[in-house]
């Protein structure tokens, strides 16, 4: 594949690891959240405020469905998996890698959810969100890489190893 797309929960390290992965591979780096902000002319929280969660998800799906790059690492927002059209597009142009972090590590990394921009539905906890999203990340991933407890360099090495390992999890046929 000419591109690598990173998916996972907020705090999994998609952007941080993605930048270093792109440098190591000599690829460009694309942050799809920044593409959304540029296209909409608003910050993510402003889009959420103005459009609501459902409206934001539609915008996110549209923008991610239009990404057309080569030799790039694409870091997505955590909610990208709610857009099946976007995910099928990303799967067709890239190898999708799920950066998996266990719940305890995720909770520690995120800290204040409001400051982090994690959007929860009324009455939804972070644990609920984690349980809801995990099967979707696993469904769309070509490769699953556990990055909890690893630093950025170790995470990059794990991703490169998973991409070169032909016996690694590959769900393209699903």
C-alpha atoms as a PDB file:
ATOM      1  CA  UNK A   1       0.000   0.000   0.000  1.00  0.00           C
ATOM      2  CA  UNK A   2       1.149   3.503  -0.753  1.00  0.00           C
ATOM      3  CA  UNK A   3      -0.436   5.028   2.373  1.00  0.00           C
ATOM      4  CA  UNK A   4      -0.873   4.142   6.026  1.00  0.00           C
ATOM      5  CA  UNK A   5      -3.963   5.275   7.936  1.00  0.00           C
ATOM      6  CA  UNK A   6      -3.882   5.316  11.735  1.00  0.00           C
ATOM      7  CA  UNK A   7      -7.143   4.822  13.636  1.00  0.00           C
ATOM      8  CA  UNK A   8      -7.847   4.531  17.354  1.00  0.00           C
ATOM      9  CA  UNK A   9      -9.175   6.276  20.407  1.00  0.00           C
ATOM     10  CA  UNK A  10      -8.200   9.847  21.287  1.00  0.00           C
ATOM     11  CA  UNK A  11      -4.959   9.586  23.230  1.00  0.00           C
ATOM     12  CA  UNK A  12      -3.740   6.491  21.375  1.00  0.00           C
ATOM     13  CA  UNK A  13      -1.001   8.570  19.737  1.00  0.00           C
ATOM     14  CA  UNK A  14      -2.216   8.709  16.136  1.00  0.00           C
ATOM     15  CA  UNK A  15      -0.853  12.188  15.421  1.00  0.00           C
ATOM     16  CA  UNK A  16       2.308  11.968  17.515  1.00  0.00           C
ATOM     17  CA  UNK A  17       3.264   8.508  16.274  1.00  0.00           C
ATOM     18  CA  UNK A  18       2.074   9.360  12.761  1.00  0.00           C
ATOM     19  CA  UNK A  19       4.458  12.290  12.396  1.00  0.00           C
ATOM     20  CA  UNK A  20       7.457  10.184  13.433  1.00  0.00           C
ATOM     21  CA  UNK A  21       6.327   7.225  11.298  1.00  0.00           C
ATOM     22  CA  UNK A  22       6.066   9.528   8.278  1.00  0.00           C
ATOM     23  CA  UNK A  23       9.587  10.870   8.886  1.00  0.00           C
ATOM     24  CA  UNK A  24      11.049   7.372   9.264  1.00  0.00           C
ATOM     25  CA  UNK A  25       9.359   6.168   6.053  1.00  0.00           C
ATOM     26  CA  UNK A  26       9.975   9.387   4.101  1.00  0.00           C
ATOM     27  CA  UNK A  27       6.206   9.871   3.704  1.00  0.00           C
ATOM     28  CA  UNK A  28       4.044  12.968   3.968  1.00  0.00           C
ATOM     29  CA  UNK A  29       1.900  13.376   7.088  1.00  0.00           C
ATOM     30  CA  UNK A  30      -1.812  14.206   6.916  1.00  0.00           C
ATOM     31  CA  UNK A  31      -3.922  14.977  10.001  1.00  0.00           C
ATOM     32  CA  UNK A  32      -7.535  14.558   8.898  1.00  0.00           C
ATOM     33  CA  UNK A  33      -8.788  16.714  11.797  1.00  0.00           C
ATOM     34  CA  UNK A  34      -6.758  19.603  10.373  1.00  0.00           C
ATOM     35  CA  UNK A  35      -8.232  18.937   6.914  1.00  0.00           C
ATOM     36  CA  UNK A  36     -11.719  19.166   8.427  1.00  0.00           C
ATOM     37  CA  UNK A  37     -10.877  22.460  10.134  1.00  0.00           C
ATOM     38  CA  UNK A  38      -9.394  23.899   6.947  1.00  0.00           C
ATOM     39  CA  UNK A  39     -12.328  22.843   4.782  1.00  0.00           C
ATOM     40  CA  UNK A  40     -14.940  24.096   7.252  1.00  0.00           C
ATOM     41  CA  UNK A  41     -13.052  27.246   8.285  1.00  0.00           C
ATOM     42  CA  UNK A  42     -13.722  26.416  11.953  1.00  0.00           C
ATOM     43  CA  UNK A  43     -12.051  24.608  14.820  1.00  0.00           C
ATOM     44  CA  UNK A  44     -13.375  21.133  15.631  1.00  0.00           C
ATOM     45  CA  UNK A  45     -15.149  22.280  18.796  1.00  0.00           C
ATOM     46  CA  UNK A  46     -16.868  25.044  16.819  1.00  0.00           C
ATOM     47  CA  UNK A  47     -18.092  22.528  14.244  1.00  0.00           C
ATOM     48  CA  UNK A  48     -19.392  20.317  17.074  1.00  0.00           C
ATOM     49  CA  UNK A  49     -21.110  23.306  18.666  1.00  0.00           C
ATOM     50  CA  UNK A  50     -22.691  24.456  15.409  1.00  0.00           C
ATOM     51  CA  UNK A  51     -23.493  21.096  13.786  1.00  0.00           C
ATOM     52  CA  UNK A  52     -23.830  18.696  16.713  1.00  0.00           C
ATOM     53  CA  UNK A  53     -22.263  15.254  16.861  1.00  0.00           C
ATOM     54  CA  UNK A  54     -24.258  13.867  13.912  1.00  0.00           C
ATOM     55  CA  UNK A  55     -23.418  16.888  11.745  1.00  0.00           C
ATOM     56  CA  UNK A  56     -19.761  16.652  12.661  1.00  0.00           C
ATOM     57  CA  UNK A  57     -19.725  12.937  11.798  1.00  0.00           C
ATOM     58  CA  UNK A  58     -21.184  13.719   8.354  1.00  0.00           C
ATOM     59  CA  UNK A  59     -18.519  16.361   7.720  1.00  0.00           C
ATOM     60  CA  UNK A  60     -15.803  14.010   8.977  1.00  0.00           C
ATOM     61  CA  UNK A  61     -17.029  11.245   6.668  1.00  0.00           C
ATOM     62  CA  UNK A  62     -17.151  13.578   3.663  1.00  0.00           C
ATOM     63  CA  UNK A  63     -13.656  14.992   4.221  1.00  0.00           C
ATOM     64  CA  UNK A  64     -12.059  11.596   4.902  1.00  0.00           C
ATOM     65  CA  UNK A  65     -13.803  10.128   1.829  1.00  0.00           C
ATOM     66  CA  UNK A  66     -12.101  12.760  -0.334  1.00  0.00           C
ATOM     67  CA  UNK A  67      -8.519  12.221   0.818  1.00  0.00           C
ATOM     68  CA  UNK A  68      -6.466  11.495  -2.279  1.00  0.00           C
ATOM     69  CA  UNK A  69      -2.765  11.191  -1.470  1.00  0.00           C
ATOM     70  CA  UNK A  70       0.194   8.912  -2.072  1.00  0.00           C
ATOM     71  CA  UNK A  71       3.109   7.965   0.173  1.00  0.00           C
ATOM     72  CA  UNK A  72       1.392   9.466   3.202  1.00  0.00           C
ATOM     73  CA  UNK A  73       0.648   8.606   6.796  1.00  0.00           C
ATOM     74  CA  UNK A  74      -2.912   9.702   7.590  1.00  0.00           C
ATOM     75  CA  UNK A  75      -3.874  10.270  11.227  1.00  0.00           C
ATOM     76  CA  UNK A  76      -7.640  10.297  11.660  1.00  0.00           C
ATOM     77  CA  UNK A  77      -9.936  11.544  14.360  1.00  0.00           C
ATOM     78  CA  UNK A  78     -11.139   8.915  16.805  1.00  0.00           C
ATOM     79  CA  UNK A  79     -14.688   9.016  15.453  1.00  0.00           C
ATOM     80  CA  UNK A  80     -13.759   8.338  11.804  1.00  0.00           C
ATOM     81  CA  UNK A  81     -15.016   4.754  12.246  1.00  0.00           C
ATOM     82  CA  UNK A  82     -18.606   6.031  12.390  1.00  0.00           C
ATOM     83  CA  UNK A  83     -18.374   6.836   8.676  1.00  0.00           C
ATOM     84  CA  UNK A  84     -18.509   3.583   6.681  1.00  0.00           C
ATOM     85  CA  UNK A  85     -18.007   5.381   3.362  1.00  0.00           C
ATOM     86  CA  UNK A  86     -14.877   7.094   4.705  1.00  0.00           C
ATOM     87  CA  UNK A  87     -13.522   3.874   6.161  1.00  0.00           C
ATOM     88  CA  UNK A  88     -14.032   1.920   2.943  1.00  0.00           C
ATOM     89  CA  UNK A  89     -12.269   4.719   1.047  1.00  0.00           C
ATOM     90  CA  UNK A  90      -9.353   4.772   3.511  1.00  0.00           C
ATOM     91  CA  UNK A  91      -9.110   0.965   3.352  1.00  0.00           C
ATOM     92  CA  UNK A  92      -8.940   1.180  -0.450  1.00  0.00           C
ATOM     93  CA  UNK A  93      -6.106   3.743  -0.526  1.00  0.00           C
ATOM     94  CA  UNK A  94      -4.092   2.618   2.491  1.00  0.00           C
ATOM     95  CA  UNK A  95      -3.243  -0.001   5.035  1.00  0.00           C
ATOM     96  CA  UNK A  96      -5.379   0.839   8.067  1.00  0.00           C
ATOM     97  CA  UNK A  97      -3.571   0.365  11.377  1.00  0.00           C
ATOM     98  CA  UNK A  98      -5.499   0.380  14.655  1.00  0.00           C
ATOM     99  CA  UNK A  99      -3.368   1.770  17.476  1.00  0.00           C
ATOM    100  CA  UNK A 100      -4.784  -0.187  20.373  1.00  0.00           C
ATOM    101  CA  UNK A 101      -4.495   1.058  23.941  1.00  0.00           C
ATOM    102  CA  UNK A 102      -6.143  -0.624  26.927  1.00  0.00           C
ATOM    103  CA  UNK A 103      -8.765   1.335  28.830  1.00  0.00           C
ATOM    104  CA  UNK A 104      -6.649   1.992  31.936  1.00  0.00           C
ATOM    105  CA  UNK A 105      -3.772   3.453  29.888  1.00  0.00           C
ATOM    106  CA  UNK A 106      -6.203   5.484  27.801  1.00  0.00           C
ATOM    107  CA  UNK A 107      -7.887   6.960  30.890  1.00  0.00           C
ATOM    108  CA  UNK A 108      -4.485   7.974  32.274  1.00  0.00           C
ATOM    109  CA  UNK A 109      -3.363   9.538  28.975  1.00  0.00           C
ATOM    110  CA  UNK A 110      -6.535  11.530  28.405  1.00  0.00           C
ATOM    111  CA  UNK A 111      -6.903  13.216  31.787  1.00  0.00           C
ATOM    112  CA  UNK A 112      -9.592  15.924  31.564  1.00  0.00           C
ATOM    113  CA  UNK A 113     -11.918  14.805  28.779  1.00  0.00           C
ATOM    114  CA  UNK A 114     -13.310  18.296  28.183  1.00  0.00           C
ATOM    115  CA  UNK A 115      -9.861  19.807  27.653  1.00  0.00           C
ATOM    116  CA  UNK A 116      -8.977  16.881  25.391  1.00  0.00           C
ATOM    117  CA  UNK A 117     -12.064  17.416  23.219  1.00  0.00           C
ATOM    118  CA  UNK A 118     -13.499  13.930  23.739  1.00  0.00           C
ATOM    119  CA  UNK A 119     -17.174  14.171  22.842  1.00  0.00           C
ATOM    120  CA  UNK A 120     -19.507  11.961  24.820  1.00  0.00           C
ATOM    121  CA  UNK A 121     -23.233  11.590  24.263  1.00  0.00           C
ATOM    122  CA  UNK A 122     -25.407  12.558  27.245  1.00  0.00           C
ATOM    123  CA  UNK A 123     -25.009   9.896  29.941  1.00  0.00           C
ATOM    124  CA  UNK A 124     -22.127   8.182  28.117  1.00  0.00           C
ATOM    125  CA  UNK A 125     -18.908   7.445  29.988  1.00  0.00           C
ATOM    126  CA  UNK A 126     -15.429   7.083  28.512  1.00  0.00           C
ATOM    127  CA  UNK A 127     -15.712   3.360  29.242  1.00  0.00           C
ATOM    128  CA  UNK A 128     -18.970   3.225  27.244  1.00  0.00           C
ATOM    129  CA  UNK A 129     -17.308   5.033  24.338  1.00  0.00           C
ATOM    130  CA  UNK A 130     -14.312   2.671  24.475  1.00  0.00           C
ATOM    131  CA  UNK A 131     -16.598  -0.389  24.424  1.00  0.00           C
ATOM    132  CA  UNK A 132     -18.625   1.068  21.539  1.00  0.00           C
ATOM    133  CA  UNK A 133     -15.653   1.947  19.346  1.00  0.00           C
ATOM    134  CA  UNK A 134     -13.275  -0.974  19.915  1.00  0.00           C
ATOM    135  CA  UNK A 135     -15.192  -3.464  17.721  1.00  0.00           C
ATOM    136  CA  UNK A 136     -15.384  -0.862  14.932  1.00  0.00           C
ATOM    137  CA  UNK A 137     -11.638  -0.185  15.057  1.00  0.00           C
ATOM    138  CA  UNK A 138     -11.000  -3.925  14.913  1.00  0.00           C
ATOM    139  CA  UNK A 139     -13.476  -4.366  12.052  1.00  0.00           C
ATOM    140  CA  UNK A 140     -11.841  -1.768   9.820  1.00  0.00           C
ATOM    141  CA  UNK A 141      -8.179  -2.445  10.667  1.00  0.00           C
ATOM    142  CA  UNK A 142      -5.849  -4.279   8.336  1.00  0.00           C
ATOM    143  CA  UNK A 143      -3.344  -4.426  11.200  1.00  0.00           C
ATOM    144  CA  UNK A 144      -3.765  -4.057  14.978  1.00  0.00           C
ATOM    145  CA  UNK A 145      -0.792  -2.744  16.949  1.00  0.00           C
ATOM    146  CA  UNK A 146      -0.840  -2.498  20.749  1.00  0.00           C
ATOM    147  CA  UNK A 147       0.893   0.728  21.729  1.00  0.00           C
ATOM    148  CA  UNK A 148      -0.055   1.026  25.398  1.00  0.00           C
ATOM    149  CA  UNK A 149       3.039   1.274  27.575  1.00  0.00           C
ATOM    150  CA  UNK A 150       5.259   2.007  24.573  1.00  0.00           C
ATOM    151  CA  UNK A 151       7.016   5.249  23.748  1.00  0.00           C
ATOM    152  CA  UNK A 152       6.760   6.872  20.310  1.00  0.00           C
ATOM    153  CA  UNK A 153       9.858   5.152  18.875  1.00  0.00           C
ATOM    154  CA  UNK A 154       8.752   1.734  20.120  1.00  0.00           C
ATOM    155  CA  UNK A 155       5.275   2.323  18.670  1.00  0.00           C
ATOM    156  CA  UNK A 156       6.747   3.283  15.289  1.00  0.00           C
ATOM    157  CA  UNK A 157       8.894   0.131  15.302  1.00  0.00           C
ATOM    158  CA  UNK A 158       5.849  -2.010  16.171  1.00  0.00           C
ATOM    159  CA  UNK A 159       3.881  -0.486  13.276  1.00  0.00           C
ATOM    160  CA  UNK A 160       6.708  -1.043  10.797  1.00  0.00           C
ATOM    161  CA  UNK A 161       7.060  -4.645  11.998  1.00  0.00           C
ATOM    162  CA  UNK A 162       3.302  -5.230  11.671  1.00  0.00           C
ATOM    163  CA  UNK A 163       3.286  -3.771   8.156  1.00  0.00           C
ATOM    164  CA  UNK A 164       6.134  -6.018   7.032  1.00  0.00           C
ATOM    165  CA  UNK A 165       4.797  -9.159   8.749  1.00  0.00           C
ATOM    166  CA  UNK A 166       2.728 -11.106   6.252  1.00  0.00           C
ATOM    167  CA  UNK A 167       1.305 -13.266   9.049  1.00  0.00           C
ATOM    168  CA  UNK A 168      -0.063 -10.234  10.943  1.00  0.00           C
ATOM    169  CA  UNK A 169      -3.789  -9.699  11.324  1.00  0.00           C
ATOM    170  CA  UNK A 170      -5.300  -8.706   8.005  1.00  0.00           C
ATOM    171  CA  UNK A 171      -9.036  -8.222   7.763  1.00  0.00           C
ATOM    172  CA  UNK A 172      -9.209  -6.976   4.198  1.00  0.00           C
ATOM    173  CA  UNK A 173     -11.434  -9.860   3.212  1.00  0.00           C
ATOM    174  CA  UNK A 174     -14.052  -9.042   5.853  1.00  0.00           C
END
